[in-house]
Amino acid sequence: MRGMGNWLFRDRSTGRIVVAQWPNVPLWIFIAVTAVRTLAHPHGTASTVISIVGMASLAWWAVDELARGVNPFRRILGAVVLLGVLAGLVLPGS
């Protein structure tokens, strides 16, 4: 398992183990709109705008991780989150 862990979590450019990173711009946007939704409980148009901005920023983050993640774990994480965002858009009741 040690070899698999190295392959999965090792940053290809620095050689360091990377599981989490400081949030980038799209993730900060998602965190901010999630905080607004949680604290302000918006309704109507504001709620719709917050939902769209939140989903778009999370999709942006996921695509960026999928394309430029520093290791396979980060790219897999991006793919899983992107699938979750897409499922939330197409499945009824989500």
PDB file of N, CA and C in Angstrom:
ATOM      1  N   MET A   1       0.821  -1.204   0.000  1.00  0.00           N
ATOM      2  CA  MET A   1       0.000   0.000   0.000  1.00  0.00           C
ATOM      3  C   MET A   1       0.860   1.262   0.000  1.00  0.00           C
ATOM      4  N   ARG A   2       2.072   1.153   0.513  1.00  0.00           N
ATOM      5  CA  ARG A   2       2.948   2.321   0.556  1.00  0.00           C
ATOM      6  C   ARG A   2       3.189   2.881  -0.847  1.00  0.00           C
ATOM      7  N   GLY A   3       3.440   2.007  -1.809  1.00  0.00           N
ATOM      8  CA  GLY A   3       3.658   2.451  -3.178  1.00  0.00           C
ATOM      9  C   GLY A   3       2.430   3.125  -3.764  1.00  0.00           C
ATOM     10  N   MET A   4       1.254   2.571  -3.473  1.00  0.00           N
ATOM     11  CA  MET A   4       0.003   3.158  -3.957  1.00  0.00           C
ATOM     12  C   MET A   4      -0.226   4.533  -3.330  1.00  0.00           C
ATOM     13  N   GLY A   5       0.045   4.653  -2.030  1.00  0.00           N
ATOM     14  CA  GLY A   5      -0.103   5.946  -1.354  1.00  0.00           C
ATOM     15  C   GLY A   5       0.829   6.992  -1.929  1.00  0.00           C
ATOM     16  N   ASN A   6       2.065   6.607  -2.196  1.00  0.00           N
ATOM     17  CA  ASN A   6       3.011   7.534  -2.819  1.00  0.00           C
ATOM     18  C   ASN A   6       2.507   7.983  -4.178  1.00  0.00           C
ATOM     19  N   TRP A   7       2.052   7.050  -4.968  1.00  0.00           N
ATOM     20  CA  TRP A   7       1.544   7.389  -6.301  1.00  0.00           C
ATOM     21  C   TRP A   7       0.336   8.321  -6.201  1.00  0.00           C
ATOM     22  N   LEU A   8      -0.567   8.028  -5.269  1.00  0.00           N
ATOM     23  CA  LEU A   8      -1.823   8.764  -5.158  1.00  0.00           C
ATOM     24  C   LEU A   8      -1.629  10.174  -4.614  1.00  0.00           C
ATOM     25  N   PHE A   9      -0.783  10.339  -3.605  1.00  0.00           N
ATOM     26  CA  PHE A   9      -0.703  11.608  -2.880  1.00  0.00           C
ATOM     27  C   PHE A   9       0.547  12.441  -3.153  1.00  0.00           C
ATOM     28  N   ARG A  10       1.526  11.928  -3.873  1.00  0.00           N
ATOM     29  CA  ARG A  10       2.776  12.652  -4.076  1.00  0.00           C
ATOM     30  C   ARG A  10       2.616  13.718  -5.154  1.00  0.00           C
ATOM     31  N   ASP A  11       2.973  14.977  -4.812  1.00  0.00           N
ATOM     32  CA  ASP A  11       2.971  16.094  -5.756  1.00  0.00           C
ATOM     33  C   ASP A  11       4.028  15.809  -6.814  1.00  0.00           C
ATOM     34  N   ARG A  12       3.636  15.835  -8.078  1.00  0.00           N
ATOM     35  CA  ARG A  12       4.544  15.476  -9.160  1.00  0.00           C
ATOM     36  C   ARG A  12       5.656  16.503  -9.370  1.00  0.00           C
ATOM     37  N   SER A  13       5.459  17.751  -8.957  1.00  0.00           N
ATOM     38  CA  SER A  13       6.497  18.758  -9.188  1.00  0.00           C
ATOM     39  C   SER A  13       7.420  18.956  -7.988  1.00  0.00           C
ATOM     40  N   THR A  14       6.920  18.770  -6.760  1.00  0.00           N
ATOM     41  CA  THR A  14       7.753  19.012  -5.574  1.00  0.00           C
ATOM     42  C   THR A  14       8.161  17.733  -4.861  1.00  0.00           C
ATOM     43  N   GLY A  15       7.436  16.646  -5.098  1.00  0.00           N
ATOM     44  CA  GLY A  15       7.713  15.399  -4.409  1.00  0.00           C
ATOM     45  C   GLY A  15       7.094  15.307  -3.023  1.00  0.00           C
ATOM     46  N   ARG A  16       6.412  16.370  -2.586  1.00  0.00           N
ATOM     47  CA  ARG A  16       5.775  16.371  -1.264  1.00  0.00           C
ATOM     48  C   ARG A  16       4.433  15.653  -1.315  1.00  0.00           C
ATOM     49  N   ILE A  17       3.998  15.146  -0.161  1.00  0.00           N
ATOM     50  CA  ILE A  17       2.675  14.532  -0.039  1.00  0.00           C
ATOM     51  C   ILE A  17       1.652  15.656   0.089  1.00  0.00           C
ATOM     52  N   VAL A  18       0.620  15.639  -0.756  1.00  0.00           N
ATOM     53  CA  VAL A  18      -0.409  16.677  -0.732  1.00  0.00           C
ATOM     54  C   VAL A  18      -1.776  16.013  -0.678  1.00  0.00           C
ATOM     55  N   VAL A  19      -2.528  16.328   0.389  1.00  0.00           N
ATOM     56  CA  VAL A  19      -3.905  15.863   0.506  1.00  0.00           C
ATOM     57  C   VAL A  19      -4.837  17.062   0.391  1.00  0.00           C
ATOM     58  N   ALA A  20      -4.528  18.129   1.125  1.00  0.00           N
ATOM     59  CA  ALA A  20      -5.344  19.347   1.107  1.00  0.00           C
ATOM     60  C   ALA A  20      -4.437  20.531   0.791  1.00  0.00           C
ATOM     61  N   GLN A  21      -5.050  21.573   0.249  1.00  0.00           N
ATOM     62  CA  GLN A  21      -4.324  22.792  -0.082  1.00  0.00           C
ATOM     63  C   GLN A  21      -5.156  23.982   0.375  1.00  0.00           C
ATOM     64  N   TRP A  22      -4.503  25.145   0.477  1.00  0.00           N
ATOM     65  CA  TRP A  22      -5.220  26.369   0.784  1.00  0.00           C
ATOM     66  C   TRP A  22      -6.223  26.625  -0.344  1.00  0.00           C
ATOM     67  N   PRO A  23      -7.460  27.035  -0.029  1.00  0.00           N
ATOM     68  CA  PRO A  23      -8.473  27.225  -1.080  1.00  0.00           C
ATOM     69  C   PRO A  23      -8.052  28.259  -2.125  1.00  0.00           C
ATOM     70  N   ASN A  24      -8.406  27.981  -3.386  1.00  0.00           N
ATOM     71  CA  ASN A  24      -8.159  28.933  -4.459  1.00  0.00           C
ATOM     72  C   ASN A  24      -9.432  29.764  -4.675  1.00  0.00           C
ATOM     73  N   VAL A  25      -9.397  30.668  -5.650  1.00  0.00           N
ATOM     74  CA  VAL A  25     -10.501  31.615  -5.855  1.00  0.00           C
ATOM     75  C   VAL A  25     -11.861  30.923  -6.005  1.00  0.00           C
ATOM     76  N   PRO A  26     -12.021  29.920  -6.884  1.00  0.00           N
ATOM     77  CA  PRO A  26     -13.356  29.326  -7.009  1.00  0.00           C
ATOM     78  C   PRO A  26     -13.840  28.675  -5.714  1.00  0.00           C
ATOM     79  N   LEU A  27     -12.938  28.107  -4.950  1.00  0.00           N
ATOM     80  CA  LEU A  27     -13.362  27.479  -3.697  1.00  0.00           C
ATOM     81  C   LEU A  27     -13.725  28.535  -2.657  1.00  0.00           C
ATOM     82  N   TRP A  28     -12.996  29.665  -2.621  1.00  0.00           N
ATOM     83  CA  TRP A  28     -13.373  30.759  -1.719  1.00  0.00           C
ATOM     84  C   TRP A  28     -14.753  31.306  -2.082  1.00  0.00           C
ATOM     85  N   ILE A  29     -15.044  31.416  -3.370  1.00  0.00           N
ATOM     86  CA  ILE A  29     -16.377  31.884  -3.793  1.00  0.00           C
ATOM     87  C   ILE A  29     -17.433  30.912  -3.295  1.00  0.00           C
ATOM     88  N   PHE A  30     -17.199  29.613  -3.481  1.00  0.00           N
ATOM     89  CA  PHE A  30     -18.156  28.610  -3.016  1.00  0.00           C
ATOM     90  C   PHE A  30     -18.340  28.695  -1.502  1.00  0.00           C
ATOM     91  N   ILE A  31     -17.262  28.840  -0.758  1.00  0.00           N
ATOM     92  CA  ILE A  31     -17.351  28.959   0.702  1.00  0.00           C
ATOM     93  C   ILE A  31     -18.154  30.194   1.084  1.00  0.00           C
ATOM     94  N   ALA A  32     -17.909  31.312   0.401  1.00  0.00           N
ATOM     95  CA  ALA A  32     -18.617  32.561   0.708  1.00  0.00           C
ATOM     96  C   ALA A  32     -20.115  32.444   0.441  1.00  0.00           C
ATOM     97  N   VAL A  33     -20.501  31.900  -0.716  1.00  0.00           N
ATOM     98  CA  VAL A  33     -21.937  31.810  -1.008  1.00  0.00           C
ATOM     99  C   VAL A  33     -22.617  30.775  -0.112  1.00  0.00           C
ATOM    100  N   THR A  34     -21.887  29.739   0.285  1.00  0.00           N
ATOM    101  CA  THR A  34     -22.445  28.766   1.227  1.00  0.00           C
ATOM    102  C   THR A  34     -22.680  29.430   2.581  1.00  0.00           C
ATOM    103  N   ALA A  35     -21.749  30.279   3.007  1.00  0.00           N
ATOM    104  CA  ALA A  35     -21.921  31.009   4.268  1.00  0.00           C
ATOM    105  C   ALA A  35     -23.113  31.957   4.187  1.00  0.00           C
ATOM    106  N   VAL A  36     -23.250  32.662   3.065  1.00  0.00           N
ATOM    107  CA  VAL A  36     -24.395  33.570   2.892  1.00  0.00           C
ATOM    108  C   VAL A  36     -25.697  32.785   2.937  1.00  0.00           C
ATOM    109  N   ARG A  37     -25.759  31.660   2.236  1.00  0.00           N
ATOM    110  CA  ARG A  37     -26.971  30.836   2.225  1.00  0.00           C
ATOM    111  C   ARG A  37     -27.297  30.348   3.641  1.00  0.00           C
ATOM    112  N   THR A  38     -26.285  29.922   4.378  1.00  0.00           N
ATOM    113  CA  THR A  38     -26.487  29.379   5.721  1.00  0.00           C
ATOM    114  C   THR A  38     -26.904  30.463   6.711  1.00  0.00           C
ATOM    115  N   LEU A  39     -26.284  31.627   6.628  1.00  0.00           N
ATOM    116  CA  LEU A  39     -26.536  32.683   7.611  1.00  0.00           C
ATOM    117  C   LEU A  39     -27.733  33.559   7.269  1.00  0.00           C
ATOM    118  N   ALA A  40     -27.972  33.815   5.978  1.00  0.00           N
ATOM    119  CA  ALA A  40     -29.018  34.765   5.581  1.00  0.00           C
ATOM    120  C   ALA A  40     -30.308  34.108   5.119  1.00  0.00           C
ATOM    121  N   HIS A  41     -30.281  32.851   4.759  1.00  0.00           N
ATOM    122  CA  HIS A  41     -31.464  32.137   4.255  1.00  0.00           C
ATOM    123  C   HIS A  41     -32.209  32.954   3.193  1.00  0.00           C
ATOM    124  N   PRO A  42     -31.535  33.292   2.082  1.00  0.00           N
ATOM    125  CA  PRO A  42     -32.178  34.125   1.056  1.00  0.00           C
ATOM    126  C   PRO A  42     -33.343  33.400   0.374  1.00  0.00           C
ATOM    127  N   HIS A  43     -34.242  34.205  -0.185  1.00  0.00           N
ATOM    128  CA  HIS A  43     -35.409  33.678  -0.901  1.00  0.00           C
ATOM    129  C   HIS A  43     -35.468  34.304  -2.290  1.00  0.00           C
ATOM    130  N   GLY A  44     -36.259  33.714  -3.158  1.00  0.00           N
ATOM    131  CA  GLY A  44     -36.514  34.271  -4.484  1.00  0.00           C
ATOM    132  C   GLY A  44     -35.274  34.365  -5.347  1.00  0.00           C
ATOM    133  N   THR A  45     -35.135  35.519  -6.006  1.00  0.00           N
ATOM    134  CA  THR A  45     -34.041  35.737  -6.946  1.00  0.00           C
ATOM    135  C   THR A  45     -32.679  35.611  -6.274  1.00  0.00           C
ATOM    136  N   ALA A  46     -32.547  36.140  -5.067  1.00  0.00           N
ATOM    137  CA  ALA A  46     -31.264  36.061  -4.353  1.00  0.00           C
ATOM    138  C   ALA A  46     -30.860  34.605  -4.131  1.00  0.00           C
ATOM    139  N   SER A  47     -31.818  33.776  -3.773  1.00  0.00           N
ATOM    140  CA  SER A  47     -31.539  32.356  -3.564  1.00  0.00           C
ATOM    141  C   SER A  47     -31.091  31.690  -4.865  1.00  0.00           C
ATOM    142  N   THR A  48     -31.765  32.039  -5.956  1.00  0.00           N
ATOM    143  CA  THR A  48     -31.415  31.482  -7.262  1.00  0.00           C
ATOM    144  C   THR A  48     -30.008  31.896  -7.674  1.00  0.00           C
ATOM    145  N   VAL A  49     -29.690  33.179  -7.504  1.00  0.00           N
ATOM    146  CA  VAL A  49     -28.360  33.682  -7.867  1.00  0.00           C
ATOM    147  C   VAL A  49     -27.288  32.993  -7.028  1.00  0.00           C
ATOM    148  N   ILE A  50     -27.529  32.860  -5.737  1.00  0.00           N
ATOM    149  CA  ILE A  50     -26.558  32.199  -4.859  1.00  0.00           C
ATOM    150  C   ILE A  50     -26.365  30.741  -5.273  1.00  0.00           C
ATOM    151  N   SER A  51     -27.453  30.067  -5.628  1.00  0.00           N
ATOM    152  CA  SER A  51     -27.339  28.673  -6.071  1.00  0.00           C
ATOM    153  C   SER A  51     -26.512  28.559  -7.344  1.00  0.00           C
ATOM    154  N   ILE A  52     -26.771  29.433  -8.300  1.00  0.00           N
ATOM    155  CA  ILE A  52     -26.043  29.402  -9.573  1.00  0.00           C
ATOM    156  C   ILE A  52     -24.567  29.714  -9.358  1.00  0.00           C
ATOM    157  N   VAL A  53     -24.284  30.757  -8.586  1.00  0.00           N
ATOM    158  CA  VAL A  53     -22.888  31.127  -8.326  1.00  0.00           C
ATOM    159  C   VAL A  53     -22.172  30.004  -7.572  1.00  0.00           C
ATOM    160  N   GLY A  54     -22.846  29.403  -6.605  1.00  0.00           N
ATOM    161  CA  GLY A  54     -22.249  28.308  -5.841  1.00  0.00           C
ATOM    162  C   GLY A  54     -21.940  27.105  -6.713  1.00  0.00           C
ATOM    163  N   MET A  55     -22.912  26.690  -7.517  1.00  0.00           N
ATOM    164  CA  MET A  55     -22.698  25.532  -8.395  1.00  0.00           C
ATOM    165  C   MET A  55     -21.615  25.825  -9.434  1.00  0.00           C
ATOM    166  N   ALA A  56     -21.639  27.022 -10.013  1.00  0.00           N
ATOM    167  CA  ALA A  56     -20.645  27.377 -11.031  1.00  0.00           C
ATOM    168  C   ALA A  56     -19.241  27.422 -10.436  1.00  0.00           C
ATOM    169  N   SER A  57     -19.107  27.999  -9.249  1.00  0.00           N
ATOM    170  CA  SER A  57     -17.772  28.083  -8.647  1.00  0.00           C
ATOM    171  C   SER A  57     -17.258  26.703  -8.244  1.00  0.00           C
ATOM    172  N   LEU A  58     -18.141  25.842  -7.756  1.00  0.00           N
ATOM    173  CA  LEU A  58     -17.719  24.490  -7.397  1.00  0.00           C
ATOM    174  C   LEU A  58     -17.340  23.693  -8.651  1.00  0.00           C
ATOM    175  N   ALA A  59     -18.099  23.873  -9.732  1.00  0.00           N
ATOM    176  CA  ALA A  59     -17.755  23.211 -10.995  1.00  0.00           C
ATOM    177  C   ALA A  59     -16.418  23.729 -11.525  1.00  0.00           C
ATOM    178  N   TRP A  60     -16.194  25.038 -11.426  1.00  0.00           N
ATOM    179  CA  TRP A  60     -14.932  25.649 -11.848  1.00  0.00           C
ATOM    180  C   TRP A  60     -13.771  25.031 -11.063  1.00  0.00           C
ATOM    181  N   TRP A  61     -13.944  24.930  -9.736  1.00  0.00           N
ATOM    182  CA  TRP A  61     -12.906  24.330  -8.896  1.00  0.00           C
ATOM    183  C   TRP A  61     -12.646  22.880  -9.318  1.00  0.00           C
ATOM    184  N   ALA A  62     -13.720  22.123  -9.536  1.00  0.00           N
ATOM    185  CA  ALA A  62     -13.593  20.702  -9.874  1.00  0.00           C
ATOM    186  C   ALA A  62     -12.884  20.504 -11.214  1.00  0.00           C
ATOM    187  N   VAL A  63     -13.248  21.292 -12.212  1.00  0.00           N
ATOM    188  CA  VAL A  63     -12.597  21.187 -13.526  1.00  0.00           C
ATOM    189  C   VAL A  63     -11.118  21.553 -13.408  1.00  0.00           C
ATOM    190  N   ASP A  64     -10.816  22.590 -12.629  1.00  0.00           N
ATOM    191  CA  ASP A  64      -9.426  22.991 -12.425  1.00  0.00           C
ATOM    192  C   ASP A  64      -8.626  21.875 -11.752  1.00  0.00           C
ATOM    193  N   GLU A  65      -9.196  21.238 -10.726  1.00  0.00           N
ATOM    194  CA  GLU A  65      -8.512  20.120 -10.062  1.00  0.00           C
ATOM    195  C   GLU A  65      -8.345  18.938 -11.016  1.00  0.00           C
ATOM    196  N   LEU A  66      -9.375  18.658 -11.782  1.00  0.00           N
ATOM    197  CA  LEU A  66      -9.320  17.548 -12.734  1.00  0.00           C
ATOM    198  C   LEU A  66      -8.210  17.776 -13.765  1.00  0.00           C
ATOM    199  N   ALA A  67      -8.070  19.010 -14.218  1.00  0.00           N
ATOM    200  CA  ALA A  67      -7.086  19.327 -15.254  1.00  0.00           C
ATOM    201  C   ALA A  67      -5.681  19.572 -14.698  1.00  0.00           C
ATOM    202  N   ARG A  68      -5.595  20.225 -13.526  1.00  0.00           N
ATOM    203  CA  ARG A  68      -4.287  20.659 -13.039  1.00  0.00           C
ATOM    204  C   ARG A  68      -3.959  20.194 -11.626  1.00  0.00           C
ATOM    205  N   GLY A  69      -4.689  19.219 -11.106  1.00  0.00           N
ATOM    206  CA  GLY A  69      -4.413  18.725  -9.758  1.00  0.00           C
ATOM    207  C   GLY A  69      -2.968  18.267  -9.628  1.00  0.00           C
ATOM    208  N   VAL A  70      -2.381  18.477  -8.445  1.00  0.00           N
ATOM    209  CA  VAL A  70      -0.953  18.199  -8.261  1.00  0.00           C
ATOM    210  C   VAL A  70      -0.629  16.715  -8.157  1.00  0.00           C
ATOM    211  N   ASN A  71      -1.657  15.893  -7.973  1.00  0.00           N
ATOM    212  CA  ASN A  71      -1.437  14.445  -7.872  1.00  0.00           C
ATOM    213  C   ASN A  71      -2.725  13.723  -8.268  1.00  0.00           C
ATOM    214  N   PRO A  72      -2.676  12.429  -8.438  1.00  0.00           N
ATOM    215  CA  PRO A  72      -3.881  11.695  -8.834  1.00  0.00           C
ATOM    216  C   PRO A  72      -5.040  11.847  -7.846  1.00  0.00           C
ATOM    217  N   PHE A  73      -4.745  11.926  -6.544  1.00  0.00           N
ATOM    218  CA  PHE A  73      -5.814  12.109  -5.562  1.00  0.00           C
ATOM    219  C   PHE A  73      -6.593  13.384  -5.841  1.00  0.00           C
ATOM    220  N   ARG A  74      -5.893  14.488  -6.092  1.00  0.00           N
ATOM    221  CA  ARG A  74      -6.566  15.766  -6.349  1.00  0.00           C
ATOM    222  C   ARG A  74      -7.360  15.703  -7.661  1.00  0.00           C
ATOM    223  N   ARG A  75      -6.843  15.025  -8.670  1.00  0.00           N
ATOM    224  CA  ARG A  75      -7.570  14.905  -9.936  1.00  0.00           C
ATOM    225  C   ARG A  75      -8.809  14.023  -9.771  1.00  0.00           C
ATOM    226  N   ILE A  76      -8.684  12.941  -9.006  1.00  0.00           N
ATOM    227  CA  ILE A  76      -9.848  12.087  -8.726  1.00  0.00           C
ATOM    228  C   ILE A  76     -10.885  12.871  -7.931  1.00  0.00           C
ATOM    229  N   LEU A  77     -10.432  13.642  -6.931  1.00  0.00           N
ATOM    230  CA  LEU A  77     -11.343  14.472  -6.141  1.00  0.00           C
ATOM    231  C   LEU A  77     -12.094  15.447  -7.044  1.00  0.00           C
ATOM    232  N   GLY A  78     -11.393  16.086  -7.971  1.00  0.00           N
ATOM    233  CA  GLY A  78     -12.039  16.993  -8.919  1.00  0.00           C
ATOM    234  C   GLY A  78     -13.085  16.282  -9.752  1.00  0.00           C
ATOM    235  N   ALA A  79     -12.777  15.077 -10.218  1.00  0.00           N
ATOM    236  CA  ALA A  79     -13.730  14.313 -11.029  1.00  0.00           C
ATOM    237  C   ALA A  79     -14.969  13.940 -10.222  1.00  0.00           C
ATOM    238  N   VAL A  80     -14.771  13.508  -8.984  1.00  0.00           N
ATOM    239  CA  VAL A  80     -15.908  13.117  -8.136  1.00  0.00           C
ATOM    240  C   VAL A  80     -16.797  14.324  -7.843  1.00  0.00           C
ATOM    241  N   VAL A  81     -16.190  15.459  -7.511  1.00  0.00           N
ATOM    242  CA  VAL A  81     -16.981  16.663  -7.227  1.00  0.00           C
ATOM    243  C   VAL A  81     -17.712  17.123  -8.485  1.00  0.00           C
ATOM    244  N   LEU A  82     -17.050  17.091  -9.635  1.00  0.00           N
ATOM    245  CA  LEU A  82     -17.710  17.486 -10.884  1.00  0.00           C
ATOM    246  C   LEU A  82     -18.896  16.576 -11.183  1.00  0.00           C
ATOM    247  N   LEU A  83     -18.737  15.281 -10.987  1.00  0.00           N
ATOM    248  CA  LEU A  83     -19.867  14.357 -11.172  1.00  0.00           C
ATOM    249  C   LEU A  83     -21.003  14.685 -10.209  1.00  0.00           C
ATOM    250  N   GLY A  84     -20.671  15.042  -8.979  1.00  0.00           N
ATOM    251  CA  GLY A  84     -21.695  15.430  -8.008  1.00  0.00           C
ATOM    252  C   GLY A  84     -22.434  16.689  -8.429  1.00  0.00           C
ATOM    253  N   VAL A  85     -21.700  17.675  -8.931  1.00  0.00           N
ATOM    254  CA  VAL A  85     -22.328  18.911  -9.411  1.00  0.00           C
ATOM    255  C   VAL A  85     -23.251  18.601 -10.583  1.00  0.00           C
ATOM    256  N   LEU A  86     -22.770  17.819 -11.536  1.00  0.00           N
ATOM    257  CA  LEU A  86     -23.593  17.468 -12.702  1.00  0.00           C
ATOM    258  C   LEU A  86     -24.817  16.656 -12.293  1.00  0.00           C
ATOM    259  N   ALA A  87     -24.648  15.730 -11.364  1.00  0.00           N
ATOM    260  CA  ALA A  87     -25.789  14.943 -10.876  1.00  0.00           C
ATOM    261  C   ALA A  87     -26.807  15.857 -10.212  1.00  0.00           C
ATOM    262  N   GLY A  88     -26.333  16.840  -9.464  1.00  0.00           N
ATOM    263  CA  GLY A  88     -27.238  17.791  -8.824  1.00  0.00           C
ATOM    264  C   GLY A  88     -28.030  18.614  -9.824  1.00  0.00           C
ATOM    265  N   LEU A  89     -27.478  18.794 -11.015  1.00  0.00           N
ATOM    266  CA  LEU A  89     -28.176  19.562 -12.044  1.00  0.00           C
ATOM    267  C   LEU A  89     -29.208  18.732 -12.801  1.00  0.00           C
ATOM    268  N   VAL A  90     -28.951  17.432 -12.959  1.00  0.00           N
ATOM    269  CA  VAL A  90     -29.829  16.632 -13.819  1.00  0.00           C
ATOM    270  C   VAL A  90     -30.789  15.711 -13.069  1.00  0.00           C
ATOM    271  N   LEU A  91     -30.477  15.367 -11.828  1.00  0.00           N
ATOM    272  CA  LEU A  91     -31.360  14.451 -11.100  1.00  0.00           C
ATOM    273  C   LEU A  91     -32.516  15.204 -10.465  1.00  0.00           C
ATOM    274  N   PRO A  92     -33.713  14.645 -10.544  1.00  0.00           N
ATOM    275  CA  PRO A  92     -34.870  15.317  -9.950  1.00  0.00           C
ATOM    276  C   PRO A  92     -34.742  15.393  -8.431  1.00  0.00           C
ATOM    277  N   GLY A  93     -35.208  16.504  -7.877  1.00  0.00           N
ATOM    278  CA  GLY A  93     -35.222  16.671  -6.434  1.00  0.00           C
ATOM    279  C   GLY A  93     -33.898  17.078  -5.836  1.00  0.00           C
ATOM    280  N   SER A  94     -32.903  17.417  -6.674  1.00  0.00           N
ATOM    281  CA  SER A  94     -31.616  17.807  -6.098  1.00  0.00           C
ATOM    282  C   SER A  94     -31.450  19.303  -6.097  1.00  0.00           C
TER     283      SER A  94
END
